[in-house]
Protein backbone atom coordinates (compact mmCIF):
# COMPACT_ATOMS: atom_id res chain seq x y z
CA MET A 1 -37.96 44.28 25.71
CA GLU A 2 -41.21 45.75 24.67
CA PRO A 3 -41.30 49.02 27.09
CA ILE A 4 -37.84 49.91 25.63
CA LYS A 5 -39.05 49.58 22.05
CA ASP A 6 -42.23 51.49 22.90
CA LEU A 7 -40.19 54.39 24.63
CA ASP A 8 -37.88 54.55 21.60
CA LEU A 9 -41.00 54.98 19.18
CA LEU A 10 -42.61 57.57 21.58
CA ILE A 11 -39.41 59.57 21.53
CA ASN A 12 -39.19 59.21 17.75
CA GLU A 13 -42.75 60.52 17.26
CA GLY A 14 -42.10 63.31 19.65
CA GLU A 15 -39.22 64.39 17.46
CA LYS A 16 -41.26 64.20 14.32
CA ILE A 17 -43.82 66.39 15.81
CA SER A 18 -41.42 68.93 16.94
CA ARG A 19 -39.88 69.16 13.46
CA PHE A 20 -43.28 69.70 12.03
CA ALA A 21 -44.06 72.42 14.62
CA LYS A 22 -40.89 74.26 13.48
CA LEU A 23 -41.71 74.04 9.82
CA PHE A 24 -45.05 75.35 10.43
CA ALA A 25 -43.85 78.15 12.48
CA ARG A 26 -42.02 79.51 9.67
CA LEU A 27 -45.31 80.01 7.67
CA PRO A 28 -46.08 83.45 8.94
CA GLU A 29 -42.74 84.63 7.63
CA ILE A 30 -43.62 83.27 4.27
CA LEU A 31 -47.07 84.48 4.07
CA GLN A 32 -45.50 88.10 5.09
CA SER A 33 -43.31 87.97 2.24
CA LEU A 34 -46.16 87.17 -0.15
CA SER A 35 -48.15 89.88 1.60
CA SER A 36 -45.50 92.39 0.90
CA ALA A 37 -45.46 91.48 -2.78
CA GLN A 38 -49.14 91.84 -3.05
CA GLY A 39 -48.71 95.32 -1.62
CA ARG A 40 -46.37 96.22 -4.53
CA VAL A 41 -48.93 94.86 -6.86
CA LEU A 42 -51.56 97.26 -5.58
CA ASP A 43 -49.25 100.19 -5.61
CA ALA A 44 -48.69 99.30 -9.30
CA ASP A 45 -52.63 99.19 -9.83
CA LYS A 46 -52.86 102.61 -8.20
CA ALA A 47 -50.32 103.94 -10.63
CA VAL A 48 -52.21 102.54 -13.58
CA LYS A 49 -55.48 103.99 -12.28
CA ALA A 50 -53.67 107.46 -11.77
CA ALA A 51 -52.45 107.14 -15.24
CA ALA A 52 -55.82 106.45 -16.39
CA GLU A 53 -57.12 109.63 -14.66
CA ASP A 54 -54.53 111.63 -16.22
CA LEU A 55 -55.40 110.34 -19.52
CA ASP A 56 -59.06 111.11 -19.06
CA GLY A 57 -57.96 114.87 -18.21
CA LEU A 58 -55.85 114.83 -21.22
CA ASN A 59 -58.73 113.45 -23.37
CA LYS A 60 -60.94 116.20 -22.04
CA LYS A 61 -58.33 118.77 -23.15
CA ILE A 62 -58.35 117.25 -26.60
CA TYR A 63 -62.32 117.47 -26.58
CA THR A 64 -62.17 121.12 -25.38
CA ALA A 65 -59.63 122.04 -28.23
CA ARG A 66 -61.60 120.35 -30.84
CA LYS A 67 -64.81 122.19 -29.60
CA THR A 68 -62.95 125.62 -29.69
CA LEU A 69 -61.72 124.82 -33.21
CA SER A 70 -65.27 124.16 -34.50
CA THR A 71 -66.83 126.93 -32.63
CA LEU A 72 -64.26 129.61 -33.67
CA ASN A 73 -63.56 128.30 -37.05
CA ALA A 74 -61.00 131.25 -37.37
CA ASN A 75 -57.49 130.80 -38.37
CA THR A 76 -58.04 127.21 -38.96
CA GLU A 77 -54.61 126.30 -39.68
CA THR A 78 -53.31 127.97 -36.35
CA VAL A 79 -55.89 126.17 -34.23
CA GLN A 80 -55.13 122.83 -36.14
CA GLN A 81 -51.42 123.38 -35.37
CA LYS A 82 -52.06 123.63 -31.71
CA VAL A 83 -54.29 120.73 -31.68
CA ARG A 84 -51.70 118.52 -33.39
CA GLU A 85 -49.14 119.81 -30.69
CA ALA A 86 -51.42 118.90 -27.98
CA GLU A 87 -52.10 115.63 -29.45
CA LYS A 88 -48.12 115.09 -29.68
CA GLU A 89 -47.84 115.99 -26.10
CA ILE A 90 -50.76 113.94 -24.95
CA PHE A 91 -49.56 110.77 -26.86
CA ALA A 92 -45.95 111.33 -25.46
CA LYS A 93 -47.31 111.44 -21.90
CA ILE A 94 -49.59 108.41 -22.65
CA ASP A 95 -46.52 106.47 -23.98
CA GLU A 96 -44.47 107.82 -20.92
CA MET A 97 -47.06 106.55 -18.30
CA LYS A 98 -47.68 103.37 -20.12
CA LYS A 99 -43.84 102.71 -20.07
CA LYS A 100 -43.77 103.76 -16.35
CA ALA A 101 -46.74 101.39 -15.53
CA ASP A 102 -45.33 98.50 -17.53
CA PHE A 103 -41.92 98.89 -15.92
CA GLU A 104 -43.60 98.90 -12.36
CA MET A 105 -45.82 95.97 -13.34
CA GLU A 106 -42.76 94.03 -14.62
CA LEU A 107 -40.78 94.86 -11.34
CA ASN A 108 -43.74 93.68 -9.16
CA ARG A 109 -44.21 90.50 -11.23
CA LYS A 110 -40.55 89.58 -10.81
CA ALA A 111 -40.58 90.46 -7.09
CA ASN A 112 -43.63 88.06 -6.83
CA ASN A 113 -42.01 85.35 -8.82
CA ASP A 114 -38.76 85.69 -6.61
CA ALA A 115 -40.69 85.75 -3.43
CA VAL A 116 -42.67 82.68 -4.39
CA GLU A 117 -39.59 80.76 -5.67
CA SER A 118 -37.66 81.71 -2.40
CA SER A 119 -40.55 80.25 -0.44
CA ILE A 120 -40.62 77.08 -2.51
CA LYS A 121 -36.90 76.69 -2.25
CA LEU A 122 -37.16 77.23 1.74
CA MET A 123 -40.03 74.71 2.02
CA LYS A 124 -38.11 72.13 0.02
CA HIS A 125 -34.90 72.72 2.01
CA GLU A 126 -37.01 72.26 5.17
CA MET A 127 -38.66 69.10 4.05
CA ALA A 128 -35.40 67.63 2.92
CA ASN A 129 -34.00 68.42 6.26
CA HIS A 130 -36.93 66.83 8.01
CA GLN A 131 -36.59 63.82 5.95
CA LYS A 132 -32.88 63.60 6.90
CA ALA A 133 -33.84 63.74 10.40
CA ILE A 134 -36.36 61.08 9.98
CA GLN A 135 -34.01 58.81 8.40
CA ALA A 136 -31.35 59.49 11.07
CA SER A 137 -34.14 58.76 13.73
CA GLU A 138 -35.09 55.54 11.98
CA LYS A 139 -31.34 54.43 11.85
CA ALA A 140 -30.83 55.21 15.55
CA MET A 141 -33.85 53.25 16.40
CA ASN A 142 -32.72 50.28 14.45
CA ASP A 143 -29.32 50.55 15.86
CA LYS A 144 -30.82 50.35 19.35
CA ILE A 145 -32.94 47.61 18.60
CA ALA A 146 -30.02 45.74 17.07
CA GLU A 147 -27.84 46.35 20.19
CA HIS A 148 -30.92 45.38 22.37
CA ASN A 149 -31.25 41.96 20.49
CA ALA A 150 -27.45 41.49 20.62
CA ALA A 151 -27.65 41.98 24.40
CA ILE A 152 -30.49 39.45 24.77
CA ASP A 153 -28.54 36.84 22.56
CA LYS A 154 -25.57 37.35 24.83
CA TRP A 155 -27.57 36.91 27.94
CA ASN A 156 -29.30 33.77 26.47
CA LYS A 157 -25.99 32.44 25.57
CA VAL A 158 -24.45 33.05 29.01
CA GLU A 159 -27.68 31.66 30.71
CA GLN A 160 -27.09 28.50 28.53
CA GLU A 161 -23.60 28.13 29.52
CA ALA A 162 -24.46 28.60 33.15
CA ILE A 163 -27.35 25.83 32.86
CA ALA A 164 -24.67 23.46 31.38
CA LYS A 165 -22.00 24.02 33.95
CA ALA A 166 -24.73 23.68 36.49
CA ASP A 167 -25.77 20.33 35.01
CA LYS A 168 -22.16 19.17 34.66
CA ALA A 169 -21.61 20.12 38.50
CA LYS A 170 -24.81 18.26 39.33
CA LYS A 171 -23.63 15.21 37.67
CA GLN A 172 -20.05 15.35 39.34
CA LEU A 173 -21.73 15.85 42.69
CA ALA A 174 -24.02 12.72 42.22
CA ALA A 175 -21.03 10.88 41.08
CA ILE A 176 -19.16 11.86 44.08
CA ILE A 177 -22.12 10.97 46.28
CA ASP A 178 -22.36 7.71 44.67
CA LYS A 179 -18.76 6.99 45.58
CA ILE A 180 -19.31 8.06 49.03
CA ASN A 181 -22.47 5.73 49.31
CA GLY A 182 -21.18 3.17 47.48
């Protein structure tokens, strides 16, 4: 009885190890998904840096325009009008770049969140499947043990009946021998 029980336990443990191996084999896929999302965040960061460089260039234009205004000091109204127009253009570009950067950052944030949620759902699903498989293995093992115990009980009953019949036959034989001798 013990060797069969030990074999069933070994098989059950082997199945558990196999399931864990399959689960961990999927980790590179999950990590690749997270790495891809991180790449998008880095692209957005580059876009923000480029916008900052553009802003710096635009700030230099403003500085140059103001310096020209103070240096020339001629036709102040015309120069001021040009500065105001340049500022409007600069602020419009700044707003445009800010909106674009915000939009890209939001897309990347959503993509990261989606990737993380997807990975979490996948892991939960895999763990639920693993738990179901463990429960099924435990039930199968318990069924085998019950079947084995029932077979032992049946064998013990048959053995007891055979012993009882042998004792009865022995008594009958002894009675016949007593009649012959007697």
